[in-house]
Amino acid sequence: MMSEMQRLAAWTLALSLPGFRVVHESRGQPTDPVRFTVSPIQDVGLCPHCGHASDTVHRRHRSSPIKDLPLGDQAVELIVSTPQYECERCERFFTPSYPAVAEGAHATERFLAHCARLIDFADIANVAGLFGVPKRTMARWYYDYIQRRQQHPLPAPLKPIESIGIDELSQKKSTDSSLR
């Protein structure tokens, strides 16, 4: 039988949310979304005011439910438990932002990316209905996501090397000199 820690570690692997680990799981009715509480893996924050690293947690904040990609046909919601750090150098408080969670939306960036791909083939109303999100909310999330991607495009994925360029003159010189 699996221990609680092993089960949460398995959910962390299954969820595969970059920079986070699952610290709690709850389920209501079978038709309700499974709700995971996730916490950042990093236990240190970089103060945006002075640039000093801090590991002094002043308090923790728990988010409202955040939509994430479903696991099979099971809807998933996340509660993000984020630390508010106290910087010992400048004596200010700060809460780091996390790239996996979309700012201004109750959704992860990967959920919004998935919805945007679906909207490219369907429309906002159908995708909103598929994921149980109000149409106006999905429209706002979609247009905000597209605007963020235009301002900060994702780097092109690395591709395998298909050919290597050869300096033909150097090649010819070494071949000619070896013939003599």
C-alpha atoms as a PDB file:
ATOM      1  CA  MET A   1       0.000   0.000   0.000  1.00  0.00           C
ATOM      2  CA  MET A   2       1.224   3.482  -0.921  1.00  0.00           C
ATOM      3  CA  SER A   3       2.029   6.008   1.824  1.00  0.00           C
ATOM      4  CA  GLU A   4       0.622   9.558   1.718  1.00  0.00           C
ATOM      5  CA  MET A   5       4.031  10.948   0.683  1.00  0.00           C
ATOM      6  CA  GLN A   6       4.375   8.383  -2.131  1.00  0.00           C
ATOM      7  CA  ARG A   7       0.854   9.153  -3.371  1.00  0.00           C
ATOM      8  CA  LEU A   8       1.539  12.915  -3.434  1.00  0.00           C
ATOM      9  CA  ALA A   9       4.867  12.287  -5.189  1.00  0.00           C
ATOM     10  CA  ALA A  10       3.031  10.195  -7.792  1.00  0.00           C
ATOM     11  CA  TRP A  11       0.509  13.025  -8.300  1.00  0.00           C
ATOM     12  CA  THR A  12       3.404  15.487  -8.651  1.00  0.00           C
ATOM     13  CA  LEU A  13       4.811  13.334 -11.464  1.00  0.00           C
ATOM     14  CA  ALA A  14       1.393  12.890 -13.117  1.00  0.00           C
ATOM     15  CA  LEU A  15       0.541  16.586 -12.873  1.00  0.00           C
ATOM     16  CA  SER A  16       3.983  17.582 -14.193  1.00  0.00           C
ATOM     17  CA  LEU A  17       3.580  21.289 -13.377  1.00  0.00           C
ATOM     18  CA  PRO A  18       7.017  22.902 -13.716  1.00  0.00           C
ATOM     19  CA  GLY A  19       8.332  24.310 -10.437  1.00  0.00           C
ATOM     20  CA  PHE A  20       5.606  22.845  -8.206  1.00  0.00           C
ATOM     21  CA  ARG A  21       4.936  19.785  -6.067  1.00  0.00           C
ATOM     22  CA  VAL A  22       1.578  18.428  -4.930  1.00  0.00           C
ATOM     23  CA  VAL A  23       1.112  18.773  -1.158  1.00  0.00           C
ATOM     24  CA  HIS A  24      -2.577  17.848  -0.851  1.00  0.00           C
ATOM     25  CA  GLU A  25      -5.330  16.197  -2.879  1.00  0.00           C
ATOM     26  CA  SER A  26      -9.081  16.443  -2.337  1.00  0.00           C
ATOM     27  CA  ARG A  27     -12.069  15.039  -4.170  1.00  0.00           C
ATOM     28  CA  GLY A  28     -15.748  15.721  -3.721  1.00  0.00           C
ATOM     29  CA  GLN A  29     -18.331  13.974  -5.853  1.00  0.00           C
ATOM     30  CA  PRO A  30     -17.105  11.905  -8.837  1.00  0.00           C
ATOM     31  CA  THR A  31     -18.312  14.670 -11.186  1.00  0.00           C
ATOM     32  CA  ASP A  32     -16.414  17.385  -9.249  1.00  0.00           C
ATOM     33  CA  PRO A  33     -12.908  18.326 -10.329  1.00  0.00           C
ATOM     34  CA  VAL A  34     -10.041  16.763  -8.456  1.00  0.00           C
ATOM     35  CA  ARG A  35      -8.391  19.574  -6.512  1.00  0.00           C
ATOM     36  CA  PHE A  36      -4.652  19.604  -5.868  1.00  0.00           C
ATOM     37  CA  THR A  37      -2.893  22.003  -3.537  1.00  0.00           C
ATOM     38  CA  VAL A  38       0.523  22.724  -5.016  1.00  0.00           C
ATOM     39  CA  SER A  39       3.507  24.477  -3.510  1.00  0.00           C
ATOM     40  CA  PRO A  40       6.627  25.860  -5.220  1.00  0.00           C
ATOM     41  CA  ILE A  41       9.619  23.539  -5.176  1.00  0.00           C
ATOM     42  CA  GLN A  42      11.978  26.494  -4.736  1.00  0.00           C
ATOM     43  CA  ASP A  43      12.250  27.538  -1.079  1.00  0.00           C
ATOM     44  CA  VAL A  44      14.002  30.839  -1.837  1.00  0.00           C
ATOM     45  CA  GLY A  45      12.742  34.012  -3.485  1.00  0.00           C
ATOM     46  CA  LEU A  46      14.662  36.827  -5.151  1.00  0.00           C
ATOM     47  CA  CYS A  47      13.652  40.235  -3.815  1.00  0.00           C
ATOM     48  CA  PRO A  48      12.459  42.406  -6.724  1.00  0.00           C
ATOM     49  CA  HIS A  49      13.406  45.547  -4.769  1.00  0.00           C
ATOM     50  CA  CYS A  50      17.085  44.872  -3.978  1.00  0.00           C
ATOM     51  CA  GLY A  51      17.908  41.573  -5.708  1.00  0.00           C
ATOM     52  CA  HIS A  52      18.796  39.765  -2.469  1.00  0.00           C
ATOM     53  CA  ALA A  53      17.799  36.099  -2.047  1.00  0.00           C
ATOM     54  CA  SER A  54      15.497  35.410   0.879  1.00  0.00           C
ATOM     55  CA  ASP A  55      14.232  32.234   2.492  1.00  0.00           C
ATOM     56  CA  THR A  56      12.359  33.949   5.348  1.00  0.00           C
ATOM     57  CA  VAL A  57       8.663  33.222   4.821  1.00  0.00           C
ATOM     58  CA  HIS A  58       6.446  35.906   6.346  1.00  0.00           C
ATOM     59  CA  ARG A  59       3.180  34.094   5.548  1.00  0.00           C
ATOM     60  CA  ARG A  60       1.585  31.810   2.947  1.00  0.00           C
ATOM     61  CA  HIS A  61      -1.220  32.693   0.578  1.00  0.00           C
ATOM     62  CA  ARG A  62      -3.648  30.138  -0.866  1.00  0.00           C
ATOM     63  CA  SER A  63      -5.158  31.019  -4.244  1.00  0.00           C
ATOM     64  CA  SER A  64      -8.709  30.543  -5.421  1.00  0.00           C
ATOM     65  CA  PRO A  65      -9.150  27.430  -7.585  1.00  0.00           C
ATOM     66  CA  ILE A  66      -7.116  27.621 -10.802  1.00  0.00           C
ATOM     67  CA  LYS A  67      -8.053  25.641 -13.922  1.00  0.00           C
ATOM     68  CA  ASP A  68      -5.459  23.213 -15.225  1.00  0.00           C
ATOM     69  CA  LEU A  69      -5.376  20.570 -17.917  1.00  0.00           C
ATOM     70  CA  PRO A  70      -7.670  17.627 -17.181  1.00  0.00           C
ATOM     71  CA  LEU A  71      -6.286  14.209 -16.337  1.00  0.00           C
ATOM     72  CA  GLY A  72      -8.172  12.035 -18.824  1.00  0.00           C
ATOM     73  CA  ASP A  73     -11.817  12.994 -18.453  1.00  0.00           C
ATOM     74  CA  GLN A  74     -11.300  14.231 -14.871  1.00  0.00           C
ATOM     75  CA  ALA A  75     -11.282  18.040 -14.521  1.00  0.00           C
ATOM     76  CA  VAL A  76      -8.401  19.419 -12.446  1.00  0.00           C
ATOM     77  CA  GLU A  77      -8.262  22.524 -10.279  1.00  0.00           C
ATOM     78  CA  LEU A  78      -5.217  23.774  -8.413  1.00  0.00           C
ATOM     79  CA  ILE A  79      -4.908  25.678  -5.178  1.00  0.00           C
ATOM     80  CA  VAL A  80      -1.512  27.383  -5.292  1.00  0.00           C
ATOM     81  CA  SER A  81       0.091  27.901  -1.896  1.00  0.00           C
ATOM     82  CA  THR A  82       2.635  30.664  -2.410  1.00  0.00           C
ATOM     83  CA  PRO A  83       4.997  32.104   0.184  1.00  0.00           C
ATOM     84  CA  GLN A  84       5.323  35.797   0.896  1.00  0.00           C
ATOM     85  CA  TYR A  85       8.961  36.413   1.743  1.00  0.00           C
ATOM     86  CA  GLU A  86      10.508  39.031   3.985  1.00  0.00           C
ATOM     87  CA  CYS A  87      13.764  40.456   2.665  1.00  0.00           C
ATOM     88  CA  GLU A  88      16.276  40.875   5.483  1.00  0.00           C
ATOM     89  CA  ARG A  89      18.369  43.339   3.477  1.00  0.00           C
ATOM     90  CA  CYS A  90      15.712  45.947   2.521  1.00  0.00           C
ATOM     91  CA  GLU A  91      13.079  44.858   5.087  1.00  0.00           C
ATOM     92  CA  ARG A  92      10.311  44.640   2.466  1.00  0.00           C
ATOM     93  CA  PHE A  93       7.840  41.887   1.678  1.00  0.00           C
ATOM     94  CA  PHE A  94       7.373  40.252  -1.720  1.00  0.00           C
ATOM     95  CA  THR A  95       5.559  37.350  -3.333  1.00  0.00           C
ATOM     96  CA  PRO A  96       7.294  35.818  -6.349  1.00  0.00           C
ATOM     97  CA  SER A  97       5.370  35.188  -9.546  1.00  0.00           C
ATOM     98  CA  TYR A  98       5.504  31.808 -11.239  1.00  0.00           C
ATOM     99  CA  PRO A  99       5.566  31.377 -15.042  1.00  0.00           C
ATOM    100  CA  ALA A 100       3.352  28.263 -14.922  1.00  0.00           C
ATOM    101  CA  VAL A 101       0.426  30.271 -13.498  1.00  0.00           C
ATOM    102  CA  ALA A 102      -1.137  32.901 -15.768  1.00  0.00           C
ATOM    103  CA  GLU A 103      -1.307  36.329 -14.163  1.00  0.00           C
ATOM    104  CA  GLY A 104      -4.792  37.802 -14.072  1.00  0.00           C
ATOM    105  CA  ALA A 105      -6.489  34.497 -14.926  1.00  0.00           C
ATOM    106  CA  HIS A 106      -7.544  31.621 -12.738  1.00  0.00           C
ATOM    107  CA  ALA A 107      -5.766  29.182 -15.040  1.00  0.00           C
ATOM    108  CA  THR A 108      -2.340  27.773 -15.795  1.00  0.00           C
ATOM    109  CA  GLU A 109      -0.435  28.920 -18.871  1.00  0.00           C
ATOM    110  CA  ARG A 110      -0.521  25.388 -20.279  1.00  0.00           C
ATOM    111  CA  PHE A 111      -4.332  25.244 -19.898  1.00  0.00           C
ATOM    112  CA  LEU A 112      -4.623  28.553 -21.762  1.00  0.00           C
ATOM    113  CA  ALA A 113      -2.213  27.342 -24.466  1.00  0.00           C
ATOM    114  CA  HIS A 114      -4.321  24.208 -24.922  1.00  0.00           C
ATOM    115  CA  CYS A 115      -7.530  26.257 -25.115  1.00  0.00           C
ATOM    116  CA  ALA A 116      -5.932  28.623 -27.643  1.00  0.00           C
ATOM    117  CA  ARG A 117      -4.984  25.657 -29.881  1.00  0.00           C
ATOM    118  CA  LEU A 118      -8.546  24.356 -29.672  1.00  0.00           C
ATOM    119  CA  ILE A 119     -10.026  27.800 -30.399  1.00  0.00           C
ATOM    120  CA  ASP A 120      -7.887  27.929 -33.554  1.00  0.00           C
ATOM    121  CA  PHE A 121      -9.887  24.923 -34.822  1.00  0.00           C
ATOM    122  CA  ALA A 122     -13.261  25.596 -33.199  1.00  0.00           C
ATOM    123  CA  ASP A 123     -14.538  28.726 -31.501  1.00  0.00           C
ATOM    124  CA  ILE A 124     -14.525  30.304 -28.058  1.00  0.00           C
ATOM    125  CA  ALA A 125     -18.082  29.216 -27.175  1.00  0.00           C
ATOM    126  CA  ASN A 126     -17.412  25.528 -27.877  1.00  0.00           C
ATOM    127  CA  VAL A 127     -14.103  25.465 -26.005  1.00  0.00           C
ATOM    128  CA  ALA A 128     -15.694  27.313 -23.074  1.00  0.00           C
ATOM    129  CA  GLY A 129     -18.481  24.726 -23.004  1.00  0.00           C
ATOM    130  CA  LEU A 130     -15.998  21.853 -23.201  1.00  0.00           C
ATOM    131  CA  PHE A 131     -14.134  23.036 -20.102  1.00  0.00           C
ATOM    132  CA  GLY A 132     -17.092  24.474 -18.179  1.00  0.00           C
ATOM    133  CA  VAL A 133     -15.829  28.062 -18.278  1.00  0.00           C
ATOM    134  CA  PRO A 134     -18.188  30.994 -18.954  1.00  0.00           C
ATOM    135  CA  LYS A 135     -17.887  32.178 -22.570  1.00  0.00           C
ATOM    136  CA  ARG A 136     -16.924  35.762 -21.624  1.00  0.00           C
ATOM    137  CA  THR A 137     -14.248  34.500 -19.221  1.00  0.00           C
ATOM    138  CA  MET A 138     -12.799  32.186 -21.881  1.00  0.00           C
ATOM    139  CA  ALA A 139     -12.780  35.065 -24.394  1.00  0.00           C
ATOM    140  CA  ARG A 140     -10.918  37.331 -21.947  1.00  0.00           C
ATOM    141  CA  TRP A 141      -8.423  34.582 -21.088  1.00  0.00           C
ATOM    142  CA  TYR A 142      -7.885  33.795 -24.774  1.00  0.00           C
ATOM    143  CA  TYR A 143      -7.240  37.379 -25.877  1.00  0.00           C
ATOM    144  CA  ASP A 144      -5.006  38.079 -22.861  1.00  0.00           C
ATOM    145  CA  TYR A 145      -3.052  34.888 -23.618  1.00  0.00           C
ATOM    146  CA  ILE A 146      -2.600  35.840 -27.285  1.00  0.00           C
ATOM    147  CA  GLN A 147      -1.441  39.323 -26.290  1.00  0.00           C
ATOM    148  CA  ARG A 148       1.108  37.890 -23.801  1.00  0.00           C
ATOM    149  CA  ARG A 149       2.448  35.510 -26.476  1.00  0.00           C
ATOM    150  CA  GLN A 150       2.858  38.404 -28.925  1.00  0.00           C
ATOM    151  CA  GLN A 151       4.739  40.457 -26.328  1.00  0.00           C
ATOM    152  CA  HIS A 152       6.842  37.526 -25.062  1.00  0.00           C
ATOM    153  CA  PRO A 153       7.051  34.818 -27.739  1.00  0.00           C
ATOM    154  CA  LEU A 154       8.179  31.384 -26.675  1.00  0.00           C
ATOM    155  CA  PRO A 155      11.670  30.413 -27.836  1.00  0.00           C
ATOM    156  CA  ALA A 156      11.747  28.162 -30.878  1.00  0.00           C
ATOM    157  CA  PRO A 157      12.123  24.516 -29.897  1.00  0.00           C
ATOM    158  CA  LEU A 158      15.576  23.058 -30.469  1.00  0.00           C
ATOM    159  CA  LYS A 159      15.833  20.729 -33.441  1.00  0.00           C
ATOM    160  CA  PRO A 160      18.316  17.907 -34.016  1.00  0.00           C
ATOM    161  CA  ILE A 161      21.366  18.656 -36.140  1.00  0.00           C
ATOM    162  CA  GLU A 162      20.713  17.490 -39.693  1.00  0.00           C
ATOM    163  CA  SER A 163      23.932  18.593 -41.376  1.00  0.00           C
ATOM    164  CA  ILE A 164      27.283  20.049 -40.454  1.00  0.00           C
ATOM    165  CA  GLY A 165      28.913  22.719 -42.570  1.00  0.00           C
ATOM    166  CA  ILE A 166      32.441  21.976 -43.765  1.00  0.00           C
ATOM    167  CA  ASP A 167      34.968  24.601 -44.740  1.00  0.00           C
ATOM    168  CA  GLU A 168      35.656  23.397 -48.287  1.00  0.00           C
ATOM    169  CA  LEU A 169      38.826  25.467 -48.754  1.00  0.00           C
ATOM    170  CA  SER A 170      40.408  24.031 -45.605  1.00  0.00           C
ATOM    171  CA  GLN A 171      39.304  20.582 -46.683  1.00  0.00           C
ATOM    172  CA  LYS A 172      40.856  21.050 -50.124  1.00  0.00           C
ATOM    173  CA  LYS A 173      44.122  22.413 -48.669  1.00  0.00           C
ATOM    174  CA  SER A 174      44.511  19.458 -46.312  1.00  0.00           C
ATOM    175  CA  THR A 175      43.697  17.014 -49.129  1.00  0.00           C
ATOM    176  CA  ASP A 176      46.144  18.677 -51.562  1.00  0.00           C
ATOM    177  CA  SER A 177      48.947  18.785 -48.989  1.00  0.00           C
ATOM    178  CA  SER A 178      48.484  15.110 -48.147  1.00  0.00           C
ATOM    179  CA  LEU A 179      48.843  14.154 -51.825  1.00  0.00           C
ATOM    180  CA  ARG A 180      52.368  15.617 -52.028  1.00  0.00           C
END
